Amino acid sequence: MFVTRCQLKLHDTLFYATREMGRLYETGKYLHNYGLTYALGLVCSPYFSREQVPTYADDLLPLNDQGVYVTPARPLNYDYLFHTFKRASVPYYTFQPQTTVNVALYGRAKELAPESTFEFFVLSRKPIALPRWVRLGKWMSKAEVQVLWRGEAAEKRGTFIANHPLNPLDMPGQPIAFDLISMPPVSLVVNARMEGAYYVVEGVCLPAGMRYTFPKQQ
């Protein structure tokens, strides 16, 4: 398996609502692998969606046939900024019928600060080109991607601890123990103790056979 170790550095504040506590909207310190995959340009989604319903399965499952997978990102160093926002005339922003009620919305957003850095991995059957600059988050914040290491990773077998955040839906098999990172749309796990095949990349253990997986719709 070909593994690319990447570092992402924010050049803008980054916002996405991991938790909503009343009027406070908090951004978590981990970056989900779905958002990273879109940001890297490995899949495309329409700029405008009238239904505003995510299509993760339709967009990401084709990458399994290409043998490409992106892990979530863990923070290397990070800081936060708080922004207060206020807006009115809600019908202007929606497709609901116009009304004469003027509802003011206000709150505070806890955003990741510029210069925060993160680490993630791209697994692929062959080397792939990655963009240097990407945009991600609610406000399409600008971030820089730097390749730290790239090469073939030998597969090992046994008991190991995946000391990197992972999407539990995409992991082969069930972990024996783990720490949960609560965040939408799928909570992540870290320090997962597992048995089976894995790769070691500069001290980081990653399970072999990870692929985008989605529960079947009822």
N, C-alpha and C. Protein backbone atom coordinates (compact mmCIF):
# COMPACT_ATOMS: atom_id res chain seq x y z
N MET A 1 0.84 -1.20 0.00
CA MET A 1 0.00 0.00 0.00
C MET A 1 0.88 1.25 0.00
N PHE A 2 0.50 2.22 -0.80
CA PHE A 2 1.22 3.49 -0.88
C PHE A 2 0.58 4.46 0.10
N VAL A 3 1.38 5.04 0.98
CA VAL A 3 0.87 5.92 2.02
C VAL A 3 1.52 7.29 1.90
N THR A 4 0.69 8.33 1.99
CA THR A 4 1.17 9.71 1.98
C THR A 4 0.81 10.35 3.31
N ARG A 5 1.83 10.81 4.02
CA ARG A 5 1.61 11.49 5.29
C ARG A 5 1.57 12.99 5.03
N CYS A 6 0.48 13.64 5.45
CA CYS A 6 0.27 15.05 5.12
C CYS A 6 0.08 15.90 6.37
N GLN A 7 0.46 17.15 6.24
CA GLN A 7 0.18 18.14 7.28
C GLN A 7 -0.65 19.26 6.67
N LEU A 8 -1.68 19.66 7.39
CA LEU A 8 -2.58 20.72 6.93
C LEU A 8 -2.46 21.90 7.88
N LYS A 9 -2.23 23.09 7.32
CA LYS A 9 -2.08 24.31 8.11
C LYS A 9 -3.15 25.31 7.71
N LEU A 10 -3.90 25.80 8.70
CA LEU A 10 -4.96 26.76 8.42
C LEU A 10 -4.39 28.14 8.15
N HIS A 11 -4.94 28.80 7.12
CA HIS A 11 -4.61 30.20 6.83
C HIS A 11 -5.80 31.11 7.08
N ASP A 12 -6.93 30.54 7.45
CA ASP A 12 -8.13 31.28 7.84
C ASP A 12 -8.70 30.61 9.10
N THR A 13 -9.66 31.25 9.71
CA THR A 13 -10.39 30.56 10.77
C THR A 13 -11.24 29.45 10.14
N LEU A 14 -11.37 28.35 10.84
CA LEU A 14 -12.13 27.20 10.33
C LEU A 14 -13.33 26.96 11.23
N PHE A 15 -14.51 26.89 10.62
CA PHE A 15 -15.74 26.68 11.39
C PHE A 15 -16.56 25.54 10.81
N TYR A 16 -16.98 24.64 11.68
CA TYR A 16 -18.03 23.67 11.40
C TYR A 16 -18.63 23.31 12.75
N ALA A 17 -19.91 23.09 12.81
CA ALA A 17 -20.60 22.93 14.09
C ALA A 17 -20.49 21.50 14.58
N THR A 18 -19.50 21.23 15.42
CA THR A 18 -19.38 19.92 16.05
C THR A 18 -20.41 19.76 17.17
N ARG A 19 -20.57 20.85 17.96
CA ARG A 19 -21.56 20.84 19.04
C ARG A 19 -22.30 22.16 19.04
N GLU A 20 -23.59 22.09 19.36
CA GLU A 20 -24.40 23.29 19.49
C GLU A 20 -24.95 23.33 20.90
N MET A 21 -24.50 24.32 21.66
CA MET A 21 -24.91 24.46 23.06
C MET A 21 -25.62 25.80 23.21
N GLY A 22 -26.94 25.78 23.01
CA GLY A 22 -27.68 27.02 23.05
C GLY A 22 -27.28 27.90 21.88
N ARG A 23 -26.75 29.08 22.18
CA ARG A 23 -26.31 30.02 21.15
C ARG A 23 -24.82 29.88 20.83
N LEU A 24 -24.16 28.90 21.42
CA LEU A 24 -22.74 28.67 21.15
C LEU A 24 -22.59 27.50 20.19
N TYR A 25 -21.87 27.75 19.08
CA TYR A 25 -21.61 26.73 18.07
C TYR A 25 -20.11 26.45 18.08
N GLU A 26 -19.76 25.23 18.47
CA GLU A 26 -18.35 24.90 18.73
C GLU A 26 -17.76 24.03 17.64
N THR A 27 -16.56 24.38 17.20
CA THR A 27 -15.80 23.59 16.24
C THR A 27 -14.87 22.65 16.98
N GLY A 28 -14.91 21.36 16.66
CA GLY A 28 -14.04 20.39 17.30
C GLY A 28 -12.61 20.50 16.80
N LYS A 29 -11.70 19.85 17.49
CA LYS A 29 -10.29 19.94 17.14
C LYS A 29 -9.84 18.85 16.17
N TYR A 30 -10.76 17.95 15.79
CA TYR A 30 -10.45 16.92 14.80
C TYR A 30 -11.16 17.25 13.49
N LEU A 31 -10.56 16.85 12.37
CA LEU A 31 -11.16 17.07 11.05
C LEU A 31 -11.65 15.73 10.52
N HIS A 32 -12.91 15.68 10.11
CA HIS A 32 -13.51 14.44 9.64
C HIS A 32 -12.96 14.05 8.27
N ASN A 33 -12.86 12.74 8.03
CA ASN A 33 -12.29 12.31 6.75
C ASN A 33 -13.22 12.58 5.58
N TYR A 34 -14.55 12.70 5.79
CA TYR A 34 -15.44 13.03 4.68
C TYR A 34 -15.09 14.42 4.14
N GLY A 35 -15.02 15.41 5.04
CA GLY A 35 -14.72 16.77 4.60
C GLY A 35 -13.35 16.88 3.96
N LEU A 36 -12.36 16.15 4.50
CA LEU A 36 -11.02 16.19 3.91
C LEU A 36 -11.01 15.61 2.50
N THR A 37 -11.76 14.55 2.28
CA THR A 37 -11.80 13.94 0.95
C THR A 37 -12.36 14.90 -0.08
N TYR A 38 -13.43 15.61 0.28
CA TYR A 38 -13.98 16.62 -0.63
C TYR A 38 -12.97 17.74 -0.84
N ALA A 39 -12.35 18.22 0.24
CA ALA A 39 -11.43 19.36 0.14
C ALA A 39 -10.24 19.04 -0.76
N LEU A 40 -9.77 17.80 -0.74
CA LEU A 40 -8.62 17.41 -1.56
C LEU A 40 -8.97 17.24 -3.02
N GLY A 41 -10.24 17.37 -3.37
CA GLY A 41 -10.65 17.26 -4.76
C GLY A 41 -10.71 15.84 -5.27
N LEU A 42 -10.70 14.85 -4.38
CA LEU A 42 -10.75 13.45 -4.81
C LEU A 42 -12.15 13.07 -5.26
N VAL A 43 -13.17 13.80 -4.79
CA VAL A 43 -14.54 13.66 -5.28
C VAL A 43 -15.11 15.07 -5.44
N CYS A 44 -16.13 15.17 -6.23
CA CYS A 44 -16.75 16.48 -6.48
C CYS A 44 -18.22 16.43 -6.08
N SER A 45 -18.71 17.54 -5.61
CA SER A 45 -20.13 17.68 -5.30
C SER A 45 -20.61 18.98 -5.92
N PRO A 46 -21.90 19.09 -6.22
CA PRO A 46 -22.40 20.32 -6.85
C PRO A 46 -22.24 21.52 -5.93
N TYR A 47 -21.95 22.66 -6.53
CA TYR A 47 -21.80 23.89 -5.76
C TYR A 47 -23.10 24.29 -5.10
N PHE A 48 -24.21 24.01 -5.78
CA PHE A 48 -25.53 24.37 -5.26
C PHE A 48 -26.38 23.12 -5.16
N SER A 49 -27.03 22.92 -4.03
CA SER A 49 -27.92 21.79 -3.83
C SER A 49 -29.24 22.31 -3.26
N ARG A 50 -30.31 22.17 -4.01
CA ARG A 50 -31.59 22.67 -3.56
C ARG A 50 -32.11 21.85 -2.38
N GLU A 51 -31.86 20.54 -2.37
CA GLU A 51 -32.37 19.70 -1.30
C GLU A 51 -31.55 19.86 -0.02
N GLN A 52 -30.29 20.24 -0.12
CA GLN A 52 -29.41 20.41 1.03
C GLN A 52 -29.32 19.13 1.86
N VAL A 53 -29.22 18.00 1.16
CA VAL A 53 -29.08 16.70 1.79
C VAL A 53 -27.74 16.12 1.36
N PRO A 54 -26.88 15.71 2.30
CA PRO A 54 -25.57 15.17 1.91
C PRO A 54 -25.70 13.87 1.13
N THR A 55 -24.77 13.66 0.22
CA THR A 55 -24.75 12.45 -0.61
C THR A 55 -23.41 11.75 -0.45
N TYR A 56 -23.03 11.50 0.80
CA TYR A 56 -21.72 10.92 1.07
C TYR A 56 -21.52 9.59 0.37
N ALA A 57 -22.50 8.70 0.47
CA ALA A 57 -22.34 7.37 -0.11
C ALA A 57 -22.15 7.45 -1.62
N ASP A 58 -22.99 8.22 -2.30
CA ASP A 58 -22.87 8.33 -3.76
C ASP A 58 -21.53 8.92 -4.17
N ASP A 59 -21.02 9.87 -3.39
CA ASP A 59 -19.79 10.57 -3.76
C ASP A 59 -18.53 9.77 -3.41
N LEU A 60 -18.53 9.11 -2.24
CA LEU A 60 -17.29 8.53 -1.72
C LEU A 60 -17.09 7.06 -2.06
N LEU A 61 -18.17 6.31 -2.23
CA LEU A 61 -18.01 4.88 -2.50
C LEU A 61 -17.20 4.58 -3.76
N PRO A 62 -17.29 5.38 -4.85
CA PRO A 62 -16.45 5.09 -6.02
C PRO A 62 -14.96 5.11 -5.74
N LEU A 63 -14.53 5.78 -4.68
CA LEU A 63 -13.10 5.79 -4.35
C LEU A 63 -12.60 4.42 -3.92
N ASN A 64 -13.51 3.57 -3.43
CA ASN A 64 -13.10 2.21 -3.06
C ASN A 64 -12.60 1.44 -4.27
N ASP A 65 -13.25 1.63 -5.41
CA ASP A 65 -12.82 0.96 -6.63
C ASP A 65 -11.46 1.47 -7.10
N GLN A 66 -11.17 2.73 -6.77
CA GLN A 66 -9.87 3.31 -7.15
C GLN A 66 -8.78 2.99 -6.14
N GLY A 67 -9.16 2.41 -5.01
CA GLY A 67 -8.17 2.08 -3.99
C GLY A 67 -7.62 3.29 -3.27
N VAL A 68 -8.46 4.32 -3.06
CA VAL A 68 -8.03 5.56 -2.41
C VAL A 68 -8.83 5.75 -1.12
N TYR A 69 -8.12 6.12 -0.06
CA TYR A 69 -8.80 6.37 1.21
C TYR A 69 -8.07 7.47 1.97
N VAL A 70 -8.84 8.37 2.60
CA VAL A 70 -8.30 9.48 3.38
C VAL A 70 -8.72 9.30 4.84
N THR A 71 -7.78 9.38 5.76
CA THR A 71 -8.10 9.25 7.18
C THR A 71 -8.57 10.60 7.73
N PRO A 72 -9.21 10.61 8.87
CA PRO A 72 -9.43 11.88 9.57
C PRO A 72 -8.10 12.52 9.95
N ALA A 73 -8.15 13.76 10.40
CA ALA A 73 -6.93 14.49 10.77
C ALA A 73 -6.93 14.76 12.27
N ARG A 74 -5.75 14.62 12.87
CA ARG A 74 -5.60 14.92 14.29
C ARG A 74 -4.86 16.25 14.45
N PRO A 75 -5.14 16.99 15.52
CA PRO A 75 -4.45 18.27 15.72
C PRO A 75 -3.02 18.08 16.20
N LEU A 76 -2.10 18.83 15.62
CA LEU A 76 -0.72 18.89 16.11
C LEU A 76 -0.56 20.06 17.06
N ASN A 77 -1.07 21.20 16.67
CA ASN A 77 -1.20 22.35 17.57
C ASN A 77 -2.38 23.18 17.07
N TYR A 78 -3.10 23.78 18.00
CA TYR A 78 -4.32 24.48 17.62
C TYR A 78 -4.67 25.53 18.66
N ASP A 79 -5.48 26.49 18.24
CA ASP A 79 -6.00 27.52 19.12
C ASP A 79 -7.39 27.89 18.62
N TYR A 80 -8.13 28.64 19.43
CA TYR A 80 -9.50 29.00 19.08
C TYR A 80 -9.70 30.51 19.08
N LEU A 81 -10.66 30.94 18.27
CA LEU A 81 -11.15 32.31 18.27
C LEU A 81 -12.67 32.27 18.42
N PHE A 82 -13.24 33.32 19.04
CA PHE A 82 -14.69 33.42 19.17
C PHE A 82 -15.20 34.56 18.31
N HIS A 83 -16.24 34.29 17.53
CA HIS A 83 -16.88 35.30 16.71
C HIS A 83 -18.35 35.40 17.09
N THR A 84 -18.83 36.61 17.24
CA THR A 84 -20.26 36.85 17.49
C THR A 84 -20.94 37.20 16.17
N PHE A 85 -22.06 36.57 15.90
CA PHE A 85 -22.76 36.84 14.64
C PHE A 85 -24.22 37.17 14.93
N LYS A 86 -24.83 37.86 13.99
CA LYS A 86 -26.24 38.24 14.10
C LYS A 86 -26.78 38.42 12.69
N ARG A 87 -27.97 37.94 12.45
CA ARG A 87 -28.61 38.14 11.16
C ARG A 87 -30.11 38.20 11.37
N ALA A 88 -30.81 38.75 10.40
CA ALA A 88 -32.26 38.85 10.47
C ALA A 88 -32.84 38.45 9.12
N SER A 89 -34.15 38.57 8.99
CA SER A 89 -34.85 38.24 7.76
C SER A 89 -34.52 36.83 7.31
N VAL A 90 -34.84 35.87 8.14
CA VAL A 90 -34.52 34.47 7.87
C VAL A 90 -35.04 33.97 6.52
N PRO A 91 -36.27 34.33 6.10
CA PRO A 91 -36.76 33.80 4.82
C PRO A 91 -35.84 34.11 3.63
N TYR A 92 -35.02 35.14 3.74
CA TYR A 92 -34.11 35.48 2.65
C TYR A 92 -33.12 34.36 2.39
N TYR A 93 -32.78 33.58 3.41
CA TYR A 93 -31.77 32.54 3.29
C TYR A 93 -32.35 31.16 3.02
N THR A 94 -33.64 31.01 2.95
CA THR A 94 -34.24 29.70 2.80
C THR A 94 -35.16 29.67 1.59
N PHE A 95 -35.67 28.46 1.30
CA PHE A 95 -36.61 28.28 0.21
C PHE A 95 -38.03 28.15 0.73
N GLN A 96 -38.23 28.45 2.01
CA GLN A 96 -39.57 28.42 2.57
C GLN A 96 -40.37 29.62 2.07
N PRO A 97 -41.69 29.52 2.10
CA PRO A 97 -42.52 30.67 1.67
C PRO A 97 -42.18 31.92 2.48
N GLN A 98 -42.17 33.06 1.81
CA GLN A 98 -41.84 34.32 2.47
C GLN A 98 -42.91 34.68 3.49
N THR A 99 -42.45 35.19 4.62
CA THR A 99 -43.37 35.63 5.66
C THR A 99 -42.99 37.04 6.07
N THR A 100 -43.88 37.64 6.83
CA THR A 100 -43.62 39.00 7.30
C THR A 100 -42.97 39.01 8.67
N VAL A 101 -42.75 37.82 9.26
CA VAL A 101 -42.14 37.74 10.58
C VAL A 101 -40.63 37.93 10.43
N ASN A 102 -40.08 38.87 11.17
CA ASN A 102 -38.65 39.15 11.12
C ASN A 102 -38.00 38.58 12.39
N VAL A 103 -37.32 37.44 12.25
CA VAL A 103 -36.72 36.76 13.39
C VAL A 103 -35.22 37.00 13.39
N ALA A 104 -34.71 37.57 14.45
CA ALA A 104 -33.28 37.84 14.55
C ALA A 104 -32.56 36.60 15.08
N LEU A 105 -31.48 36.20 14.43
CA LEU A 105 -30.65 35.10 14.89
C LEU A 105 -29.31 35.66 15.34
N TYR A 106 -28.85 35.19 16.46
CA TYR A 106 -27.56 35.64 16.96
C TYR A 106 -26.91 34.50 17.73
N GLY A 107 -25.64 34.61 17.95
CA GLY A 107 -24.92 33.59 18.69
C GLY A 107 -23.43 33.80 18.60
N ARG A 108 -22.70 32.83 19.10
CA ARG A 108 -21.24 32.89 19.08
C ARG A 108 -20.70 31.61 18.45
N ALA A 109 -19.69 31.77 17.63
CA ALA A 109 -19.05 30.63 16.97
C ALA A 109 -17.63 30.48 17.50
N LYS A 110 -17.31 29.29 17.97
CA LYS A 110 -15.96 28.96 18.41
C LYS A 110 -15.24 28.31 17.25
N GLU A 111 -14.27 29.03 16.67
CA GLU A 111 -13.62 28.60 15.44
C GLU A 111 -12.14 28.31 15.68
N LEU A 112 -11.61 27.36 14.91
CA LEU A 112 -10.18 27.07 14.96
C LEU A 112 -9.41 28.24 14.36
N ALA A 113 -8.34 28.64 15.02
CA ALA A 113 -7.60 29.83 14.63
C ALA A 113 -6.61 29.54 13.50
N PRO A 114 -6.27 30.57 12.71
CA PRO A 114 -5.22 30.42 11.70
C PRO A 114 -3.92 29.93 12.34
N GLU A 115 -3.14 29.18 11.55
CA GLU A 115 -1.86 28.60 11.96
C GLU A 115 -2.03 27.32 12.76
N SER A 116 -3.27 26.91 13.03
CA SER A 116 -3.48 25.58 13.61
C SER A 116 -3.07 24.54 12.57
N THR A 117 -2.43 23.46 13.02
CA THR A 117 -1.93 22.44 12.09
C THR A 117 -2.48 21.07 12.46
N PHE A 118 -2.64 20.23 11.44
CA PHE A 118 -3.23 18.91 11.60
C PHE A 118 -2.46 17.90 10.75
N GLU A 119 -2.62 16.63 11.09
CA GLU A 119 -1.95 15.56 10.35
C GLU A 119 -2.98 14.53 9.91
N PHE A 120 -2.84 14.07 8.66
CA PHE A 120 -3.70 13.01 8.15
C PHE A 120 -2.93 12.18 7.14
N PHE A 121 -3.52 11.06 6.72
CA PHE A 121 -2.87 10.13 5.80
C PHE A 121 -3.78 9.83 4.62
N VAL A 122 -3.16 9.64 3.47
CA VAL A 122 -3.87 9.21 2.27
C VAL A 122 -3.31 7.86 1.86
N LEU A 123 -4.16 6.84 1.81
CA LEU A 123 -3.76 5.50 1.40
C LEU A 123 -4.25 5.26 -0.02
N SER A 124 -3.37 4.71 -0.87
CA SER A 124 -3.73 4.51 -2.27
C SER A 124 -2.92 3.36 -2.85
N ARG A 125 -3.42 2.80 -3.94
CA ARG A 125 -2.70 1.71 -4.60
C ARG A 125 -1.47 2.21 -5.34
N LYS A 126 -1.50 3.47 -5.74
CA LYS A 126 -0.39 4.07 -6.45
C LYS A 126 -0.29 5.54 -6.05
N PRO A 127 0.84 6.19 -6.31
CA PRO A 127 0.98 7.60 -5.92
C PRO A 127 -0.08 8.46 -6.61
N ILE A 128 -0.63 9.41 -5.86
CA ILE A 128 -1.60 10.33 -6.41
C ILE A 128 -1.18 11.76 -6.09
N ALA A 129 -1.53 12.67 -6.96
CA ALA A 129 -1.19 14.08 -6.77
C ALA A 129 -2.21 14.72 -5.84
N LEU A 130 -1.71 15.50 -4.90
CA LEU A 130 -2.57 16.22 -3.96
C LEU A 130 -2.37 17.72 -4.13
N PRO A 131 -3.42 18.50 -4.00
CA PRO A 131 -3.28 19.96 -4.15
C PRO A 131 -2.53 20.56 -2.98
N ARG A 132 -1.87 21.66 -3.23
CA ARG A 132 -1.17 22.36 -2.14
C ARG A 132 -2.14 23.20 -1.32
N TRP A 133 -3.15 23.77 -1.98
CA TRP A 133 -4.10 24.65 -1.30
C TRP A 133 -5.49 24.03 -1.39
N VAL A 134 -6.21 24.03 -0.28
CA VAL A 134 -7.57 23.49 -0.25
C VAL A 134 -8.46 24.47 0.52
N ARG A 135 -9.76 24.24 0.41
CA ARG A 135 -10.73 25.00 1.19
C ARG A 135 -11.68 24.01 1.84
N LEU A 136 -12.02 24.29 3.09
CA LEU A 136 -12.88 23.38 3.83
C LEU A 136 -13.62 24.12 4.93
N GLY A 137 -14.64 23.46 5.47
CA GLY A 137 -15.43 24.06 6.53
C GLY A 137 -16.62 24.85 6.00
N LYS A 138 -17.39 25.38 6.93
CA LYS A 138 -18.62 26.11 6.59
C LYS A 138 -18.34 27.33 5.72
N TRP A 139 -17.23 28.02 5.99
CA TRP A 139 -16.91 29.25 5.25
C TRP A 139 -15.88 29.03 4.15
N MET A 140 -15.61 27.75 3.80
CA MET A 140 -14.62 27.44 2.76
C MET A 140 -13.27 28.10 3.09
N SER A 141 -12.79 27.83 4.27
CA SER A 141 -11.54 28.44 4.75
C SER A 141 -10.34 27.88 4.00
N LYS A 142 -9.35 28.73 3.80
CA LYS A 142 -8.16 28.36 3.05
C LYS A 142 -7.16 27.65 3.96
N ALA A 143 -6.58 26.56 3.44
CA ALA A 143 -5.59 25.79 4.20
C ALA A 143 -4.52 25.27 3.24
N GLU A 144 -3.33 25.08 3.78
CA GLU A 144 -2.18 24.60 3.00
C GLU A 144 -1.89 23.15 3.34
N VAL A 145 -1.67 22.33 2.32
CA VAL A 145 -1.36 20.92 2.49
C VAL A 145 0.10 20.69 2.13
N GLN A 146 0.81 20.07 3.05
CA GLN A 146 2.22 19.77 2.83
C GLN A 146 2.45 18.27 2.99
N VAL A 147 3.11 17.66 2.02
CA VAL A 147 3.43 16.23 2.09
C VAL A 147 4.70 16.06 2.92
N LEU A 148 4.60 15.32 4.02
CA LEU A 148 5.74 15.10 4.90
C LEU A 148 6.49 13.82 4.57
N TRP A 149 5.77 12.82 4.09
CA TRP A 149 6.40 11.53 3.76
C TRP A 149 5.53 10.81 2.75
N ARG A 150 6.17 10.09 1.86
CA ARG A 150 5.42 9.37 0.84
C ARG A 150 6.21 8.11 0.48
N GLY A 151 5.56 6.96 0.49
CA GLY A 151 6.26 5.73 0.15
C GLY A 151 5.40 4.50 0.41
N GLU A 152 5.98 3.33 0.11
CA GLU A 152 5.31 2.06 0.34
C GLU A 152 5.37 1.70 1.82
N ALA A 153 4.26 1.22 2.34
CA ALA A 153 4.20 0.80 3.74
C ALA A 153 4.03 -0.71 3.78
N ALA A 154 4.91 -1.38 4.53
CA ALA A 154 4.84 -2.83 4.64
C ALA A 154 3.69 -3.23 5.57
N GLU A 155 3.02 -4.30 5.23
CA GLU A 155 1.90 -4.78 6.03
C GLU A 155 2.40 -5.73 7.12
N LYS A 156 1.92 -5.51 8.34
CA LYS A 156 2.24 -6.39 9.47
C LYS A 156 0.94 -6.97 10.01
N ARG A 157 1.09 -7.98 10.88
CA ARG A 157 -0.09 -8.60 11.50
C ARG A 157 0.16 -8.77 12.99
N GLY A 158 -0.93 -8.66 13.76
CA GLY A 158 -0.82 -8.82 15.19
C GLY A 158 -1.75 -7.88 15.92
N THR A 159 -1.49 -7.69 17.20
CA THR A 159 -2.25 -6.75 18.01
C THR A 159 -1.55 -5.40 17.99
N PHE A 160 -2.32 -4.34 17.80
CA PHE A 160 -1.72 -3.00 17.70
C PHE A 160 -2.71 -1.97 18.23
N ILE A 161 -2.20 -0.77 18.48
CA ILE A 161 -3.02 0.36 18.89
C ILE A 161 -2.95 1.42 17.80
N ALA A 162 -4.07 1.73 17.20
CA ALA A 162 -4.14 2.75 16.15
C ALA A 162 -4.14 4.12 16.83
N ASN A 163 -2.98 4.72 16.96
CA ASN A 163 -2.84 5.99 17.67
C ASN A 163 -3.08 7.17 16.74
N HIS A 164 -4.16 7.08 15.99
CA HIS A 164 -4.59 8.14 15.06
C HIS A 164 -6.10 8.06 14.98
N PRO A 165 -6.82 9.19 14.89
CA PRO A 165 -8.29 9.12 14.79
C PRO A 165 -8.73 8.38 13.53
N LEU A 166 -9.76 7.57 13.68
CA LEU A 166 -10.27 6.76 12.58
C LEU A 166 -11.79 6.81 12.55
N ASN A 167 -12.33 6.59 11.37
CA ASN A 167 -13.78 6.47 11.20
C ASN A 167 -14.15 5.01 11.47
N PRO A 168 -14.92 4.71 12.52
CA PRO A 168 -15.21 3.31 12.86
C PRO A 168 -15.99 2.57 11.79
N LEU A 169 -16.78 3.27 10.97
CA LEU A 169 -17.51 2.60 9.90
C LEU A 169 -16.57 2.05 8.84
N ASP A 170 -15.41 2.68 8.68
CA ASP A 170 -14.48 2.31 7.61
C ASP A 170 -13.44 1.30 8.03
N MET A 171 -13.41 0.93 9.32
CA MET A 171 -12.38 0.03 9.82
C MET A 171 -12.77 -1.42 9.58
N PRO A 172 -11.81 -2.27 9.22
CA PRO A 172 -12.10 -3.71 9.07
C PRO A 172 -12.17 -4.37 10.44
N GLY A 173 -13.31 -4.86 10.81
CA GLY A 173 -13.44 -5.50 12.11
C GLY A 173 -13.74 -4.50 13.22
N GLN A 174 -14.00 -5.04 14.40
CA GLN A 174 -14.36 -4.22 15.54
C GLN A 174 -13.15 -4.05 16.46
N PRO A 175 -12.91 -2.83 16.94
CA PRO A 175 -11.81 -2.63 17.89
C PRO A 175 -12.13 -3.27 19.24
N ILE A 176 -11.07 -3.69 19.94
CA ILE A 176 -11.25 -4.29 21.26
C ILE A 176 -11.58 -3.21 22.28
N ALA A 177 -10.91 -2.08 22.18
CA ALA A 177 -11.14 -0.93 23.06
C ALA A 177 -10.78 0.33 22.30
N PHE A 178 -11.37 1.46 22.71
CA PHE A 178 -11.11 2.71 22.00
C PHE A 178 -11.61 3.88 22.83
N ASP A 179 -11.16 5.09 22.45
CA ASP A 179 -11.70 6.34 22.98
C ASP A 179 -12.58 6.96 21.90
N LEU A 180 -13.74 7.46 22.31
CA LEU A 180 -14.71 8.00 21.36
C LEU A 180 -14.54 9.51 21.20
N ILE A 181 -14.57 9.98 19.95
CA ILE A 181 -14.57 11.40 19.62
C ILE A 181 -15.93 11.71 19.03
N SER A 182 -16.78 12.36 19.80
CA SER A 182 -18.15 12.62 19.35
C SER A 182 -18.19 13.79 18.39
N MET A 183 -18.64 13.54 17.17
CA MET A 183 -18.78 14.59 16.17
C MET A 183 -19.63 14.08 15.01
N PRO A 184 -20.39 14.95 14.35
CA PRO A 184 -21.18 14.53 13.19
C PRO A 184 -20.30 14.58 11.92
N PRO A 185 -20.68 13.87 10.87
CA PRO A 185 -21.86 13.01 10.78
C PRO A 185 -21.64 11.61 11.36
N VAL A 186 -20.37 11.22 11.60
CA VAL A 186 -20.06 9.93 12.21
C VAL A 186 -18.98 10.17 13.26
N SER A 187 -19.24 9.77 14.50
CA SER A 187 -18.23 9.94 15.55
C SER A 187 -16.99 9.12 15.22
N LEU A 188 -15.83 9.64 15.61
CA LEU A 188 -14.55 8.99 15.35
C LEU A 188 -14.06 8.26 16.59
N VAL A 189 -13.05 7.41 16.41
CA VAL A 189 -12.41 6.73 17.53
C VAL A 189 -10.91 6.98 17.45
N VAL A 190 -10.25 6.92 18.61
CA VAL A 190 -8.80 7.08 18.68
C VAL A 190 -8.28 6.11 19.72
N ASN A 191 -6.99 5.78 19.62
CA ASN A 191 -6.38 4.79 20.52
C ASN A 191 -7.14 3.47 20.47
N ALA A 192 -7.53 3.08 19.26
CA ALA A 192 -8.28 1.83 19.09
C ALA A 192 -7.31 0.64 19.16
N ARG A 193 -7.59 -0.27 20.07
CA ARG A 193 -6.80 -1.50 20.18
C ARG A 193 -7.43 -2.55 19.27
N MET A 194 -6.64 -3.08 18.33
CA MET A 194 -7.18 -3.97 17.32
C MET A 194 -6.25 -5.15 17.08
N GLU A 195 -6.78 -6.15 16.40
CA GLU A 195 -6.00 -7.31 15.95
C GLU A 195 -6.19 -7.47 14.46
N GLY A 196 -5.09 -7.82 13.77
CA GLY A 196 -5.18 -8.03 12.33
C GLY A 196 -4.04 -7.38 11.60
N ALA A 197 -4.29 -7.06 10.32
CA ALA A 197 -3.26 -6.46 9.48
C ALA A 197 -3.22 -4.95 9.70
N TYR A 198 -2.02 -4.38 9.66
CA TYR A 198 -1.86 -2.95 9.85
C TYR A 198 -0.56 -2.46 9.21
N TYR A 199 -0.47 -1.14 9.07
CA TYR A 199 0.73 -0.49 8.56
C TYR A 199 1.33 0.39 9.66
N VAL A 200 2.64 0.55 9.62
CA VAL A 200 3.32 1.46 10.53
C VAL A 200 4.01 2.53 9.68
N VAL A 201 3.61 3.79 9.88
CA VAL A 201 4.16 4.92 9.13
C VAL A 201 4.75 5.90 10.13
N GLU A 202 6.06 5.88 10.27
CA GLU A 202 6.77 6.80 11.16
C GLU A 202 6.15 6.80 12.56
N GLY A 203 5.97 5.61 13.10
CA GLY A 203 5.46 5.48 14.45
C GLY A 203 3.96 5.47 14.61
N VAL A 204 3.21 5.67 13.52
CA VAL A 204 1.75 5.68 13.56
C VAL A 204 1.23 4.38 12.97
N CYS A 205 0.37 3.68 13.72
CA CYS A 205 -0.21 2.43 13.26
C CYS A 205 -1.58 2.69 12.65
N LEU A 206 -1.78 2.17 11.45
CA LEU A 206 -3.05 2.33 10.73
C LEU A 206 -3.55 0.96 10.31
N PRO A 207 -4.83 0.63 10.53
CA PRO A 207 -5.36 -0.66 10.09
C PRO A 207 -5.30 -0.78 8.58
N ALA A 208 -5.00 -1.97 8.10
CA ALA A 208 -5.04 -2.24 6.67
C ALA A 208 -6.48 -2.54 6.26
N GLY A 209 -6.81 -2.25 5.02
CA GLY A 209 -8.14 -2.57 4.51
C GLY A 209 -9.21 -1.56 4.81
N MET A 210 -8.85 -0.33 5.20
CA MET A 210 -9.87 0.69 5.44
C MET A 210 -10.49 1.13 4.11
N ARG A 211 -11.80 1.33 4.10
CA ARG A 211 -12.51 1.76 2.91
C ARG A 211 -13.78 2.48 3.35
N TYR A 212 -14.29 3.34 2.48
CA TYR A 212 -15.51 4.09 2.81
C TYR A 212 -16.69 3.12 2.88
N THR A 213 -17.39 3.17 4.01
CA THR A 213 -18.50 2.25 4.25
C THR A 213 -19.67 3.03 4.85
N PHE A 214 -20.87 2.72 4.37
CA PHE A 214 -22.07 3.41 4.84
C PHE A 214 -23.16 2.38 5.13
N PRO A 215 -23.88 2.58 6.24
CA PRO A 215 -24.97 1.65 6.55
C PRO A 215 -26.03 1.67 5.45
N LYS A 216 -26.65 0.53 5.22
CA LYS A 216 -27.72 0.46 4.24
C LYS A 216 -28.94 1.20 4.75
N GLN A 217 -29.56 1.95 3.85
CA GLN A 217 -30.76 2.71 4.21
C GLN A 217 -31.94 1.76 4.37
N GLN A 218 -32.69 1.98 5.45
CA GLN A 218 -33.86 1.14 5.70
C GLN A 218 -35.01 1.53 4.78
